């Protein structure tokens, strides 16, 4: 629903701001890749890692979709574990 998509956007923004606060120099960018890149125009988080910016929305959307399609409960540590993994990878 539109309210679910709005919630995904809000969670993306929150996770991004958590990472910006924790990673010096991290900032939001609009992704630009090759002409055929499906992520062109998406908001991502530039954190200075190899492989390009972090697709924060993709992580949140994947988790939300998995919950909706499988009917499983929300795991309380899924997104916080992802944030900790990303921080560890940058250390």
Protein backbone atom coordinates (compact mmCIF):
# COMPACT_ATOMS: atom_id res chain seq x y z
CA UNK A 1 0.00 0.00 0.00
CA UNK A 2 1.06 3.61 -0.26
CA UNK A 3 1.37 3.85 3.53
CA UNK A 4 3.66 0.80 3.57
CA UNK A 5 5.85 2.35 0.88
CA UNK A 6 5.98 5.58 2.87
CA UNK A 7 7.09 3.60 5.92
CA UNK A 8 9.85 1.95 3.86
CA UNK A 9 11.05 5.42 2.82
CA UNK A 10 11.00 6.61 6.44
CA UNK A 11 12.98 3.58 7.65
CA UNK A 12 15.49 4.09 4.81
CA UNK A 13 15.96 7.70 5.85
CA UNK A 14 16.42 6.73 9.50
CA UNK A 15 18.99 4.02 8.75
CA UNK A 16 20.85 6.39 6.45
CA UNK A 17 20.99 9.06 9.13
CA UNK A 18 22.25 6.51 11.67
CA UNK A 19 25.07 5.61 9.27
CA UNK A 20 25.81 9.27 8.47
CA UNK A 21 26.20 9.96 12.19
CA UNK A 22 28.54 6.99 12.59
CA UNK A 23 30.67 7.28 9.43
CA UNK A 24 32.72 10.41 8.84
CA UNK A 25 32.08 11.81 5.37
CA UNK A 26 29.01 9.68 4.64
CA UNK A 27 26.32 11.52 2.67
CA UNK A 28 23.26 10.96 0.48
CA UNK A 29 23.74 10.75 -3.31
CA UNK A 30 21.58 10.16 -6.35
CA UNK A 31 22.94 7.03 -8.00
CA UNK A 32 24.21 7.32 -11.56
CA UNK A 33 25.43 4.23 -13.33
CA UNK A 34 25.46 3.00 -16.90
CA UNK A 35 22.43 3.73 -19.09
CA UNK A 36 20.94 0.32 -18.42
CA UNK A 37 21.47 0.37 -14.64
CA UNK A 38 18.10 -0.14 -12.95
CA UNK A 39 19.17 1.84 -9.88
CA UNK A 40 19.77 5.09 -11.76
CA UNK A 41 18.11 7.96 -9.95
CA UNK A 42 17.74 6.17 -6.63
CA UNK A 43 18.82 7.79 -3.40
CA UNK A 44 21.76 5.92 -1.88
CA UNK A 45 24.32 6.51 0.82
CA UNK A 46 27.90 7.26 -0.21
CA UNK A 47 30.21 5.93 2.48
CA UNK A 48 33.48 5.65 0.57
CA UNK A 49 33.48 1.88 0.18
CA UNK A 50 34.41 -0.16 -2.83
CA UNK A 51 31.48 -1.22 -4.97
CA UNK A 52 29.69 2.09 -4.86
CA UNK A 53 27.13 3.61 -2.55
CA UNK A 54 24.98 1.63 -0.12
CA UNK A 55 21.48 0.86 -1.41
CA UNK A 56 19.80 1.42 1.97
CA UNK A 57 16.31 1.33 0.46
CA UNK A 58 16.98 -2.06 -1.11
CA UNK A 59 17.82 -3.57 2.29
CA UNK A 60 14.68 -2.16 3.90
CA UNK A 61 12.45 -3.09 0.94
CA UNK A 62 13.81 -6.64 0.82
CA UNK A 63 13.10 -7.13 4.51
CA UNK A 64 9.59 -5.66 4.24
CA UNK A 65 8.79 -7.76 1.16
CA UNK A 66 10.00 -10.91 2.88
CA UNK A 67 7.75 -10.22 5.84
CA UNK A 68 4.69 -9.51 3.69
CA UNK A 69 5.16 -12.49 1.35
CA UNK A 70 6.14 -15.07 3.95
CA UNK A 71 3.90 -13.87 6.76
CA UNK A 72 6.76 -14.19 9.22
CA UNK A 73 7.17 -11.89 12.16
CA UNK A 74 9.48 -8.91 12.09
CA UNK A 75 12.90 -9.85 13.47
CA UNK A 76 13.88 -7.08 15.86
CA UNK A 77 17.58 -7.21 15.07
CA UNK A 78 17.61 -7.58 11.28
CA UNK A 79 18.21 -3.95 10.36
CA UNK A 80 20.41 -3.17 13.36
CA UNK A 81 22.56 -6.21 12.49
CA UNK A 82 22.88 -4.91 8.93
CA UNK A 83 24.01 -1.51 10.19
CA UNK A 84 26.61 -3.13 12.47
CA UNK A 85 27.89 -5.29 9.59
CA UNK A 86 28.26 -2.25 7.34
CA UNK A 87 30.12 -0.34 10.05
CA UNK A 88 32.42 -3.30 10.66
CA UNK A 89 33.14 -3.62 6.93
CA UNK A 90 34.22 0.02 6.80
CA UNK A 91 36.48 -0.21 9.85
